[in-house]
């Protein structure tokens, strides 16, 4: 049996008052709209880190990274922007903390 590999996507959420559960719910609904349950099972998004400036880290399965990014285009309000993708949570959280408010 092989290990499941993850990628950590650093995203900026337009509405910084959203809770991690609301972000997960939005991402999950977008994936379900475009790819259905099969797509959701390939991605399995989970918010694993969030700072006070509206930058979050979402863990996704490596095989579902393209599905995740494609599903974010369905969001008409464009409330979630992908900033960077990394292979470790440590690096992703450091990027999230060091990102300036230029974007």
PDB file of N, CA and C in Angstrom:
ATOM      1  N   UNK A   1       0.844  -1.183   0.000  1.00  0.00           N
ATOM      2  CA  UNK A   1       0.000   0.000   0.000  1.00  0.00           C
ATOM      3  C   UNK A   1       0.887   1.244   0.000  1.00  0.00           C
ATOM      4  N   UNK A   2       0.540   2.191  -0.831  1.00  0.00           N
ATOM      5  CA  UNK A   2       1.359   3.397  -0.935  1.00  0.00           C
ATOM      6  C   UNK A   2       0.849   4.494  -0.009  1.00  0.00           C
ATOM      7  N   UNK A   3       1.747   5.377   0.342  1.00  0.00           N
ATOM      8  CA  UNK A   3       1.375   6.509   1.186  1.00  0.00           C
ATOM      9  C   UNK A   3       0.661   7.562   0.354  1.00  0.00           C
ATOM     10  N   UNK A   4      -0.258   8.248   0.979  1.00  0.00           N
ATOM     11  CA  UNK A   4      -0.951   9.349   0.322  1.00  0.00           C
ATOM     12  C   UNK A   4      -0.087  10.593   0.477  1.00  0.00           C
ATOM     13  N   UNK A   5       0.217  11.232  -0.636  1.00  0.00           N
ATOM     14  CA  UNK A   5       1.054  12.432  -0.595  1.00  0.00           C
ATOM     15  C   UNK A   5       0.174  13.657  -0.723  1.00  0.00           C
ATOM     16  N   UNK A   6       0.555  14.694  -0.020  1.00  0.00           N
ATOM     17  CA  UNK A   6      -0.229  15.923   0.006  1.00  0.00           C
ATOM     18  C   UNK A   6       0.578  17.094  -0.532  1.00  0.00           C
ATOM     19  N   UNK A   7      -0.133  18.106  -0.942  1.00  0.00           N
ATOM     20  CA  UNK A   7       0.442  19.400  -1.275  1.00  0.00           C
ATOM     21  C   UNK A   7      -0.273  20.429  -0.414  1.00  0.00           C
ATOM     22  N   UNK A   8       0.424  21.481  -0.083  1.00  0.00           N
ATOM     23  CA  UNK A   8      -0.121  22.539   0.756  1.00  0.00           C
ATOM     24  C   UNK A   8      -0.224  23.797  -0.089  1.00  0.00           C
ATOM     25  N   UNK A   9      -1.446  24.290  -0.249  1.00  0.00           N
ATOM     26  CA  UNK A   9      -1.712  25.428  -1.116  1.00  0.00           C
ATOM     27  C   UNK A   9      -1.943  26.654  -0.239  1.00  0.00           C
ATOM     28  N   UNK A  10      -1.113  27.665  -0.424  1.00  0.00           N
ATOM     29  CA  UNK A  10      -1.261  28.925   0.306  1.00  0.00           C
ATOM     30  C   UNK A  10      -2.243  29.773  -0.486  1.00  0.00           C
ATOM     31  N   UNK A  11      -3.351  30.133   0.147  1.00  0.00           N
ATOM     32  CA  UNK A  11      -4.393  30.907  -0.529  1.00  0.00           C
ATOM     33  C   UNK A  11      -4.694  32.174   0.254  1.00  0.00           C
ATOM     34  N   UNK A  12      -5.145  33.170  -0.472  1.00  0.00           N
ATOM     35  CA  UNK A  12      -5.603  34.412   0.150  1.00  0.00           C
ATOM     36  C   UNK A  12      -7.118  34.440   0.020  1.00  0.00           C
ATOM     37  N   UNK A  13      -7.786  34.623   1.147  1.00  0.00           N
ATOM     38  CA  UNK A  13      -9.241  34.681   1.171  1.00  0.00           C
ATOM     39  C   UNK A  13      -9.640  36.147   1.230  1.00  0.00           C
ATOM     40  N   UNK A  14     -10.485  36.552   0.288  1.00  0.00           N
ATOM     41  CA  UNK A  14     -10.874  37.964   0.193  1.00  0.00           C
ATOM     42  C   UNK A  14     -11.546  38.445   1.477  1.00  0.00           C
ATOM     43  N   UNK A  15     -12.469  37.657   1.999  1.00  0.00           N
ATOM     44  CA  UNK A  15     -13.164  37.997   3.237  1.00  0.00           C
ATOM     45  C   UNK A  15     -12.421  37.334   4.396  1.00  0.00           C
ATOM     46  N   UNK A  16     -11.564  38.085   5.072  1.00  0.00           N
ATOM     47  CA  UNK A  16     -10.713  37.496   6.114  1.00  0.00           C
ATOM     48  C   UNK A  16     -11.478  37.092   7.367  1.00  0.00           C
ATOM     49  N   UNK A  17     -12.764  37.428   7.446  1.00  0.00           N
ATOM     50  CA  UNK A  17     -13.543  37.045   8.621  1.00  0.00           C
ATOM     51  C   UNK A  17     -14.118  35.632   8.504  1.00  0.00           C
ATOM     52  N   UNK A  18     -13.921  34.968   7.365  1.00  0.00           N
ATOM     53  CA  UNK A  18     -14.439  33.609   7.196  1.00  0.00           C
ATOM     54  C   UNK A  18     -13.664  32.637   8.075  1.00  0.00           C
ATOM     55  N   UNK A  19     -14.405  31.720   8.661  1.00  0.00           N
ATOM     56  CA  UNK A  19     -13.782  30.703   9.501  1.00  0.00           C
ATOM     57  C   UNK A  19     -13.211  29.592   8.612  1.00  0.00           C
ATOM     58  N   UNK A  20     -12.315  28.774   9.153  1.00  0.00           N
ATOM     59  CA  UNK A  20     -11.784  27.653   8.364  1.00  0.00           C
ATOM     60  C   UNK A  20     -12.879  26.703   7.873  1.00  0.00           C
ATOM     61  N   UNK A  21     -13.920  26.524   8.669  1.00  0.00           N
ATOM     62  CA  UNK A  21     -15.015  25.650   8.257  1.00  0.00           C
ATOM     63  C   UNK A  21     -15.766  26.226   7.062  1.00  0.00           C
ATOM     64  N   UNK A  22     -15.947  27.548   7.034  1.00  0.00           N
ATOM     65  CA  UNK A  22     -16.615  28.194   5.901  1.00  0.00           C
ATOM     66  C   UNK A  22     -15.768  28.090   4.634  1.00  0.00           C
ATOM     67  N   UNK A  23     -14.467  28.228   4.775  1.00  0.00           N
ATOM     68  CA  UNK A  23     -13.574  28.104   3.622  1.00  0.00           C
ATOM     69  C   UNK A  23     -13.625  26.680   3.077  1.00  0.00           C
ATOM     70  N   UNK A  24     -13.552  25.695   3.969  1.00  0.00           N
ATOM     71  CA  UNK A  24     -13.642  24.295   3.551  1.00  0.00           C
ATOM     72  C   UNK A  24     -14.967  24.012   2.868  1.00  0.00           C
ATOM     73  N   UNK A  25     -16.050  24.554   3.411  1.00  0.00           N
ATOM     74  CA  UNK A  25     -17.366  24.347   2.817  1.00  0.00           C
ATOM     75  C   UNK A  25     -17.468  24.931   1.423  1.00  0.00           C
ATOM     76  N   UNK A  26     -16.917  26.121   1.234  1.00  0.00           N
ATOM     77  CA  UNK A  26     -16.933  26.760  -0.082  1.00  0.00           C
ATOM     78  C   UNK A  26     -16.128  25.947  -1.089  1.00  0.00           C
ATOM     79  N   UNK A  27     -14.927  25.542  -0.708  1.00  0.00           N
ATOM     80  CA  UNK A  27     -14.077  24.762  -1.607  1.00  0.00           C
ATOM     81  C   UNK A  27     -14.732  23.425  -1.936  1.00  0.00           C
ATOM     82  N   UNK A  28     -15.297  22.769  -0.932  1.00  0.00           N
ATOM     83  CA  UNK A  28     -15.957  21.486  -1.143  1.00  0.00           C
ATOM     84  C   UNK A  28     -17.126  21.616  -2.106  1.00  0.00           C
ATOM     85  N   UNK A  29     -17.937  22.650  -1.937  1.00  0.00           N
ATOM     86  CA  UNK A  29     -19.087  22.826  -2.831  1.00  0.00           C
ATOM     87  C   UNK A  29     -18.643  23.121  -4.262  1.00  0.00           C
ATOM     88  N   UNK A  30     -17.563  23.875  -4.431  1.00  0.00           N
ATOM     89  CA  UNK A  30     -17.059  24.159  -5.778  1.00  0.00           C
ATOM     90  C   UNK A  30     -16.548  22.890  -6.458  1.00  0.00           C
ATOM     91  N   UNK A  31     -15.848  22.050  -5.709  1.00  0.00           N
ATOM     92  CA  UNK A  31     -15.345  20.791  -6.275  1.00  0.00           C
ATOM     93  C   UNK A  31     -16.508  19.881  -6.642  1.00  0.00           C
ATOM     94  N   UNK A  32     -17.514  19.808  -5.775  1.00  0.00           N
ATOM     95  CA  UNK A  32     -18.678  18.967  -6.062  1.00  0.00           C
ATOM     96  C   UNK A  32     -19.426  19.437  -7.302  1.00  0.00           C
ATOM     97  N   UNK A  33     -19.531  20.744  -7.505  1.00  0.00           N
ATOM     98  CA  UNK A  33     -20.228  21.273  -8.680  1.00  0.00           C
ATOM     99  C   UNK A  33     -19.541  20.871  -9.974  1.00  0.00           C
ATOM    100  N   UNK A  34     -18.228  20.909  -9.983  1.00  0.00           N
ATOM    101  CA  UNK A  34     -17.492  20.676 -11.222  1.00  0.00           C
ATOM    102  C   UNK A  34     -17.126  19.209 -11.439  1.00  0.00           C
ATOM    103  N   UNK A  35     -16.719  18.502 -10.392  1.00  0.00           N
ATOM    104  CA  UNK A  35     -16.195  17.149 -10.549  1.00  0.00           C
ATOM    105  C   UNK A  35     -16.979  16.076  -9.802  1.00  0.00           C
ATOM    106  N   UNK A  36     -17.923  16.461  -8.973  1.00  0.00           N
ATOM    107  CA  UNK A  36     -18.730  15.483  -8.259  1.00  0.00           C
ATOM    108  C   UNK A  36     -17.989  14.839  -7.100  1.00  0.00           C
ATOM    109  N   UNK A  37     -18.560  13.740  -6.626  1.00  0.00           N
ATOM    110  CA  UNK A  37     -18.018  13.050  -5.456  1.00  0.00           C
ATOM    111  C   UNK A  37     -16.657  12.428  -5.774  1.00  0.00           C
ATOM    112  N   UNK A  38     -16.488  11.942  -7.004  1.00  0.00           N
ATOM    113  CA  UNK A  38     -15.201  11.362  -7.394  1.00  0.00           C
ATOM    114  C   UNK A  38     -14.088  12.404  -7.303  1.00  0.00           C
ATOM    115  N   UNK A  39     -14.346  13.605  -7.787  1.00  0.00           N
ATOM    116  CA  UNK A  39     -13.353  14.670  -7.702  1.00  0.00           C
ATOM    117  C   UNK A  39     -13.051  15.056  -6.270  1.00  0.00           C
ATOM    118  N   UNK A  40     -14.095  15.107  -5.446  1.00  0.00           N
ATOM    119  CA  UNK A  40     -13.898  15.450  -4.037  1.00  0.00           C
ATOM    120  C   UNK A  40     -13.047  14.398  -3.333  1.00  0.00           C
ATOM    121  N   UNK A  41     -13.254  13.124  -3.672  1.00  0.00           N
ATOM    122  CA  UNK A  41     -12.459  12.068  -3.038  1.00  0.00           C
ATOM    123  C   UNK A  41     -11.001  12.114  -3.487  1.00  0.00           C
ATOM    124  N   UNK A  42     -10.729  12.694  -4.639  1.00  0.00           N
ATOM    125  CA  UNK A  42      -9.345  12.828  -5.101  1.00  0.00           C
ATOM    126  C   UNK A  42      -8.639  14.014  -4.447  1.00  0.00           C
ATOM    127  N   UNK A  43      -9.401  15.024  -4.016  1.00  0.00           N
ATOM    128  CA  UNK A  43      -8.803  16.237  -3.463  1.00  0.00           C
ATOM    129  C   UNK A  43      -8.740  16.194  -1.935  1.00  0.00           C
ATOM    130  N   UNK A  44      -9.860  15.941  -1.290  1.00  0.00           N
ATOM    131  CA  UNK A  44      -9.985  15.946   0.172  1.00  0.00           C
ATOM    132  C   UNK A  44      -9.380  17.205   0.801  1.00  0.00           C
ATOM    133  N   UNK A  45      -9.950  18.385   0.512  1.00  0.00           N
ATOM    134  CA  UNK A  45      -9.374  19.634   1.033  1.00  0.00           C
ATOM    135  C   UNK A  45      -9.577  19.785   2.534  1.00  0.00           C
ATOM    136  N   UNK A  46      -8.594  20.372   3.194  1.00  0.00           N
ATOM    137  CA  UNK A  46      -8.662  20.612   4.638  1.00  0.00           C
ATOM    138  C   UNK A  46      -7.843  21.855   4.952  1.00  0.00           C
ATOM    139  N   UNK A  47      -8.449  22.821   5.637  1.00  0.00           N
ATOM    140  CA  UNK A  47      -7.716  24.012   6.062  1.00  0.00           C
ATOM    141  C   UNK A  47      -6.888  23.624   7.280  1.00  0.00           C
ATOM    142  N   UNK A  48      -5.573  23.740   7.158  1.00  0.00           N
ATOM    143  CA  UNK A  48      -4.688  23.313   8.243  1.00  0.00           C
ATOM    144  C   UNK A  48      -3.999  24.473   8.940  1.00  0.00           C
ATOM    145  N   UNK A  49      -4.077  25.664   8.360  1.00  0.00           N
ATOM    146  CA  UNK A  49      -3.429  26.830   8.972  1.00  0.00           C
ATOM    147  C   UNK A  49      -4.145  28.081   8.487  1.00  0.00           C
ATOM    148  N   UNK A  50      -4.264  29.057   9.362  1.00  0.00           N
ATOM    149  CA  UNK A  50      -4.902  30.324   9.003  1.00  0.00           C
ATOM    150  C   UNK A  50      -4.313  31.418   9.874  1.00  0.00           C
ATOM    151  N   UNK A  51      -3.935  32.542   9.255  1.00  0.00           N
ATOM    152  CA  UNK A  51      -3.464  33.662  10.065  1.00  0.00           C
ATOM    153  C   UNK A  51      -4.507  34.773  10.054  1.00  0.00           C
ATOM    154  N   UNK A  52      -4.240  35.851  10.755  1.00  0.00           N
ATOM    155  CA  UNK A  52      -5.243  36.905  10.936  1.00  0.00           C
ATOM    156  C   UNK A  52      -5.359  37.851   9.746  1.00  0.00           C
ATOM    157  N   UNK A  53      -4.508  37.690   8.727  1.00  0.00           N
ATOM    158  CA  UNK A  53      -4.559  38.577   7.561  1.00  0.00           C
ATOM    159  C   UNK A  53      -5.333  37.988   6.387  1.00  0.00           C
ATOM    160  N   UNK A  54      -6.008  36.880   6.609  1.00  0.00           N
ATOM    161  CA  UNK A  54      -6.807  36.278   5.551  1.00  0.00           C
ATOM    162  C   UNK A  54      -6.043  35.311   4.670  1.00  0.00           C
ATOM    163  N   UNK A  55      -4.881  34.879   5.110  1.00  0.00           N
ATOM    164  CA  UNK A  55      -4.099  33.910   4.346  1.00  0.00           C
ATOM    165  C   UNK A  55      -4.227  32.557   5.035  1.00  0.00           C
ATOM    166  N   UNK A  56      -4.588  31.551   4.248  1.00  0.00           N
ATOM    167  CA  UNK A  56      -4.797  30.212   4.785  1.00  0.00           C
ATOM    168  C   UNK A  56      -3.956  29.210   4.024  1.00  0.00           C
ATOM    169  N   UNK A  57      -3.757  28.051   4.635  1.00  0.00           N
ATOM    170  CA  UNK A  57      -3.083  26.938   3.979  1.00  0.00           C
ATOM    171  C   UNK A  57      -4.083  25.797   3.911  1.00  0.00           C
ATOM    172  N   UNK A  58      -4.310  25.306   2.700  1.00  0.00           N
ATOM    173  CA  UNK A  58      -5.249  24.208   2.482  1.00  0.00           C
ATOM    174  C   UNK A  58      -4.454  22.988   2.039  1.00  0.00           C
ATOM    175  N   UNK A  59      -4.647  21.882   2.755  1.00  0.00           N
ATOM    176  CA  UNK A  59      -3.994  20.627   2.388  1.00  0.00           C
ATOM    177  C   UNK A  59      -4.872  19.899   1.374  1.00  0.00           C
ATOM    178  N   UNK A  60      -4.270  19.484   0.266  1.00  0.00           N
ATOM    179  CA  UNK A  60      -4.981  18.705  -0.746  1.00  0.00           C
ATOM    180  C   UNK A  60      -4.124  17.497  -1.101  1.00  0.00           C
ATOM    181  N   UNK A  61      -4.767  16.463  -1.614  1.00  0.00           N
ATOM    182  CA  UNK A  61      -4.007  15.313  -2.084  1.00  0.00           C
ATOM    183  C   UNK A  61      -3.294  15.683  -3.375  1.00  0.00           C
ATOM    184  N   UNK A  62      -2.112  15.155  -3.551  1.00  0.00           N
ATOM    185  CA  UNK A  62      -1.297  15.517  -4.708  1.00  0.00           C
ATOM    186  C   UNK A  62      -2.000  15.199  -6.025  1.00  0.00           C
ATOM    187  N   UNK A  63      -2.690  14.073  -6.092  1.00  0.00           N
ATOM    188  CA  UNK A  63      -3.360  13.704  -7.338  1.00  0.00           C
ATOM    189  C   UNK A  63      -4.535  14.626  -7.657  1.00  0.00           C
ATOM    190  N   UNK A  64      -5.035  15.365  -6.677  1.00  0.00           N
ATOM    191  CA  UNK A  64      -6.174  16.241  -6.904  1.00  0.00           C
ATOM    192  C   UNK A  64      -5.840  17.714  -6.959  1.00  0.00           C
ATOM    193  N   UNK A  65      -4.560  18.050  -7.058  1.00  0.00           N
ATOM    194  CA  UNK A  65      -4.165  19.460  -7.055  1.00  0.00           C
ATOM    195  C   UNK A  65      -4.744  20.217  -8.248  1.00  0.00           C
ATOM    196  N   UNK A  66      -4.689  19.631  -9.429  1.00  0.00           N
ATOM    197  CA  UNK A  66      -5.235  20.303 -10.613  1.00  0.00           C
ATOM    198  C   UNK A  66      -6.751  20.443 -10.522  1.00  0.00           C
ATOM    199  N   UNK A  67      -7.408  19.449  -9.966  1.00  0.00           N
ATOM    200  CA  UNK A  67      -8.861  19.521  -9.764  1.00  0.00           C
ATOM    201  C   UNK A  67      -9.188  20.663  -8.815  1.00  0.00           C
ATOM    202  N   UNK A  68      -8.421  20.788  -7.740  1.00  0.00           N
ATOM    203  CA  UNK A  68      -8.625  21.856  -6.766  1.00  0.00           C
ATOM    204  C   UNK A  68      -8.493  23.225  -7.417  1.00  0.00           C
ATOM    205  N   UNK A  69      -7.415  23.422  -8.162  1.00  0.00           N
ATOM    206  CA  UNK A  69      -7.186  24.723  -8.796  1.00  0.00           C
ATOM    207  C   UNK A  69      -8.251  25.032  -9.838  1.00  0.00           C
ATOM    208  N   UNK A  70      -8.669  24.024 -10.587  1.00  0.00           N
ATOM    209  CA  UNK A  70      -9.702  24.237 -11.604  1.00  0.00           C
ATOM    210  C   UNK A  70     -11.039  24.587 -10.971  1.00  0.00           C
ATOM    211  N   UNK A  71     -11.348  23.984  -9.845  1.00  0.00           N
ATOM    212  CA  UNK A  71     -12.642  24.240  -9.210  1.00  0.00           C
ATOM    213  C   UNK A  71     -12.727  25.646  -8.629  1.00  0.00           C
ATOM    214  N   UNK A  72     -11.599  26.249  -8.284  1.00  0.00           N
ATOM    215  CA  UNK A  72     -11.620  27.610  -7.745  1.00  0.00           C
ATOM    216  C   UNK A  72     -12.040  28.635  -8.791  1.00  0.00           C
ATOM    217  N   UNK A  73     -11.948  28.280 -10.065  1.00  0.00           N
ATOM    218  CA  UNK A  73     -12.367  29.216 -11.114  1.00  0.00           C
ATOM    219  C   UNK A  73     -13.878  29.367 -11.173  1.00  0.00           C
ATOM    220  N   UNK A  74     -14.622  28.458 -10.558  1.00  0.00           N
ATOM    221  CA  UNK A  74     -16.088  28.548 -10.548  1.00  0.00           C
ATOM    222  C   UNK A  74     -16.609  29.624  -9.607  1.00  0.00           C
ATOM    223  N   UNK A  75     -15.781  30.050  -8.687  1.00  0.00           N
ATOM    224  CA  UNK A  75     -16.208  31.027  -7.689  1.00  0.00           C
ATOM    225  C   UNK A  75     -16.369  32.390  -8.352  1.00  0.00           C
ATOM    226  N   UNK A  76     -17.609  32.807  -8.552  1.00  0.00           N
ATOM    227  CA  UNK A  76     -17.886  34.061  -9.261  1.00  0.00           C
ATOM    228  C   UNK A  76     -17.420  35.289  -8.479  1.00  0.00           C
ATOM    229  N   UNK A  77     -17.412  35.205  -7.177  1.00  0.00           N
ATOM    230  CA  UNK A  77     -16.973  36.350  -6.384  1.00  0.00           C
ATOM    231  C   UNK A  77     -15.446  36.429  -6.297  1.00  0.00           C
ATOM    232  N   UNK A  78     -14.766  35.414  -6.817  1.00  0.00           N
ATOM    233  CA  UNK A  78     -13.295  35.347  -6.776  1.00  0.00           C
ATOM    234  C   UNK A  78     -12.776  35.625  -5.374  1.00  0.00           C
ATOM    235  N   UNK A  79     -13.301  34.897  -4.416  1.00  0.00           N
ATOM    236  CA  UNK A  79     -12.933  35.158  -3.032  1.00  0.00           C
ATOM    237  C   UNK A  79     -11.702  34.388  -2.573  1.00  0.00           C
ATOM    238  N   UNK A  80     -11.218  33.431  -3.371  1.00  0.00           N
ATOM    239  CA  UNK A  80     -10.043  32.653  -2.990  1.00  0.00           C
ATOM    240  C   UNK A  80      -9.017  32.728  -4.119  1.00  0.00           C
ATOM    241  N   UNK A  81      -7.801  33.173  -3.777  1.00  0.00           N
ATOM    242  CA  UNK A  81      -6.709  33.281  -4.741  1.00  0.00           C
ATOM    243  C   UNK A  81      -5.580  32.351  -4.327  1.00  0.00           C
ATOM    244  N   UNK A  82      -5.081  31.548  -5.253  1.00  0.00           N
ATOM    245  CA  UNK A  82      -3.931  30.687  -4.975  1.00  0.00           C
ATOM    246  C   UNK A  82      -2.670  31.528  -5.078  1.00  0.00           C
ATOM    247  N   UNK A  83      -1.863  31.498  -4.028  1.00  0.00           N
ATOM    248  CA  UNK A  83      -0.629  32.276  -4.003  1.00  0.00           C
ATOM    249  C   UNK A  83       0.593  31.405  -4.272  1.00  0.00           C
ATOM    250  N   UNK A  84       0.620  30.209  -3.690  1.00  0.00           N
ATOM    251  CA  UNK A  84       1.802  29.356  -3.797  1.00  0.00           C
ATOM    252  C   UNK A  84       1.417  27.935  -3.412  1.00  0.00           C
ATOM    253  N   UNK A  85       2.125  26.959  -3.960  1.00  0.00           N
ATOM    254  CA  UNK A  85       1.938  25.555  -3.613  1.00  0.00           C
ATOM    255  C   UNK A  85       3.273  24.994  -3.143  1.00  0.00           C
ATOM    256  N   UNK A  86       3.240  24.287  -2.010  1.00  0.00           N
ATOM    257  CA  UNK A  86       4.468  23.701  -1.469  1.00  0.00           C
ATOM    258  C   UNK A  86       4.228  22.243  -1.109  1.00  0.00           C
ATOM    259  N   UNK A  87       5.311  21.566  -0.751  1.00  0.00           N
ATOM    260  CA  UNK A  87       5.217  20.166  -0.388  1.00  0.00           C
ATOM    261  C   UNK A  87       5.167  19.909   1.103  1.00  0.00           C
ATOM    262  N   UNK A  88       5.439  20.937   1.922  1.00  0.00           N
ATOM    263  CA  UNK A  88       5.437  20.739   3.370  1.00  0.00           C
ATOM    264  C   UNK A  88       4.617  21.825   4.057  1.00  0.00           C
ATOM    265  N   UNK A  89       4.014  21.458   5.160  1.00  0.00           N
ATOM    266  CA  UNK A  89       3.236  22.407   5.944  1.00  0.00           C
ATOM    267  C   UNK A  89       4.144  23.465   6.560  1.00  0.00           C
ATOM    268  N   UNK A  90       5.327  23.072   6.957  1.00  0.00           N
ATOM    269  CA  UNK A  90       6.262  24.019   7.564  1.00  0.00           C
ATOM    270  C   UNK A  90       6.588  25.167   6.601  1.00  0.00           C
ATOM    271  N   UNK A  91       6.904  24.836   5.374  1.00  0.00           N
ATOM    272  CA  UNK A  91       7.226  25.860   4.379  1.00  0.00           C
ATOM    273  C   UNK A  91       5.991  26.701   4.052  1.00  0.00           C
ATOM    274  N   UNK A  92       4.832  26.066   3.943  1.00  0.00           N
ATOM    275  CA  UNK A  92       3.606  26.798   3.619  1.00  0.00           C
ATOM    276  C   UNK A  92       3.245  27.791   4.714  1.00  0.00           C
ATOM    277  N   UNK A  93       3.386  27.396   5.972  1.00  0.00           N
ATOM    278  CA  UNK A  93       3.052  28.317   7.061  1.00  0.00           C
ATOM    279  C   UNK A  93       4.048  29.469   7.134  1.00  0.00           C
ATOM    280  N   UNK A  94       5.305  29.204   6.811  1.00  0.00           N
ATOM    281  CA  UNK A  94       6.291  30.292   6.777  1.00  0.00           C
ATOM    282  C   UNK A  94       5.986  31.279   5.653  1.00  0.00           C
ATOM    283  N   UNK A  95       5.572  30.774   4.508  1.00  0.00           N
ATOM    284  CA  UNK A  95       5.195  31.650   3.395  1.00  0.00           C
ATOM    285  C   UNK A  95       3.981  32.482   3.779  1.00  0.00           C
ATOM    286  N   UNK A  96       3.002  31.854   4.410  1.00  0.00           N
ATOM    287  CA  UNK A  96       1.785  32.566   4.811  1.00  0.00           C
ATOM    288  C   UNK A  96       2.098  33.675   5.809  1.00  0.00           C
ATOM    289  N   UNK A  97       3.010  33.419   6.729  1.00  0.00           N
ATOM    290  CA  UNK A  97       3.355  34.427   7.732  1.00  0.00           C
ATOM    291  C   UNK A  97       4.213  35.554   7.169  1.00  0.00           C
ATOM    292  N   UNK A  98       5.013  35.256   6.151  1.00  0.00           N
ATOM    293  CA  UNK A  98       5.919  36.271   5.625  1.00  0.00           C
ATOM    294  C   UNK A  98       5.330  37.066   4.465  1.00  0.00           C
ATOM    295  N   UNK A  99       4.173  36.673   3.975  1.00  0.00           N
ATOM    296  CA  UNK A  99       3.589  37.350   2.815  1.00  0.00           C
ATOM    297  C   UNK A  99       3.150  38.759   3.176  1.00  0.00           C
ATOM    298  N   UNK A 100       3.529  39.716   2.339  1.00  0.00           N
ATOM    299  CA  UNK A 100       3.147  41.104   2.570  1.00  0.00           C
ATOM    300  C   UNK A 100       1.760  41.369   2.007  1.00  0.00           C
ATOM    301  N   UNK A 101       1.156  42.459   2.399  1.00  0.00           N
ATOM    302  CA  UNK A 101      -0.206  42.793   1.989  1.00  0.00           C
ATOM    303  C   UNK A 101      -0.251  43.528   0.654  1.00  0.00           C
ATOM    304  N   UNK A 102       0.597  43.157  -0.294  1.00  0.00           N
ATOM    305  CA  UNK A 102       0.625  43.814  -1.596  1.00  0.00           C
ATOM    306  C   UNK A 102      -0.477  43.314  -2.507  1.00  0.00           C
ATOM    307  N   UNK A 103      -0.874  42.063  -2.329  1.00  0.00           N
ATOM    308  CA  UNK A 103      -1.842  41.440  -3.232  1.00  0.00           C
ATOM    309  C   UNK A 103      -3.227  41.956  -2.967  1.00  0.00           C
TER     310      UNK A 103
END
